[in-house]
Amino acid sequence: MARQPNGRKSTDSRFLKKILTDTEIDQTGCSADPEAVLWSFWAAKEAVYKVLLKKNGHTAFIPNRWSVRYRDFQDLCEGDFALRSGCREGEVGIPGSGNVYIRLFTYPSYVHCIASDKSESLNRIVARVDRLPRQENSLRTDPSLFVRSKLLRCLARHFHLAARDMNIVREPQKDGLGPPLLYIAGVRSAIDLSISHDGCYVAYAYLDRSCRIFHKAMLDRAVAQIPFSLT
């Protein structure tokens, strides 16, 4: 997820060259809403990076070499219309690694992107965006704790479980914390999660395997995870 800032980063040529390809820079400059186009590219690349981390364990983040292709960008005027309409799909080409598939949701104050290494998995990702509560008595809500709480409640409703029996953990890795993992009754589950926050917004998602009731057998069965993410 990317919160659209008040400043106009779309006119910062040094910034654009760091994160966009030459084609994307041209598309941003030709758009009627260059800020929205810029952050749609950035959100997609951040989401794809999380997918690659889950899939490969380690991936260099080189956004200006990753090519975002939204299907409606064949015609820039049509692309601008799709930005206003709110939802687009496409893929991000990674040199030497193929494509990662994306779905972008555009709103006036933020853009929200989900990604998966399998195009058919996009329809099975359950994703939500929430705002942090308003600050009261100068107390600031911790966005990391807030997004975990919202995701656990969502999972509890979906799988008919008690939220108190679930825990989200990010385990230490060589280069920092790993992706979020869901533990149920102390046992690591195969449910794939993603969380993100920026400014006053938090986003969370999980892969719906169309199981309305969670059975303990799911914990014991080796289920191949389909890497996905959002930003």
Foldseek 3Di string as FASTA:
>chain_A
DFWQDPDDCLPVVVVCQQAAEPVLNVLLVPAPHNSLSVQQLVQQLVFVLLLCCVVPVDDDRRRHQKHWDWPQVVPSVSVNVVLVVFKTKTWIQDVPPGIKIKMWGHDPGHIKMKIFNDPVQVVQKDKDKDFADDDDPPDDDDLVVVQQVVVLVVVCQQAVHDSVQKDWDFPADPVGTHAIFIDGNNATALWDKEWDDDDRMIMIIIGHPPDRHDDPVRRVDDDDHTRMYMD
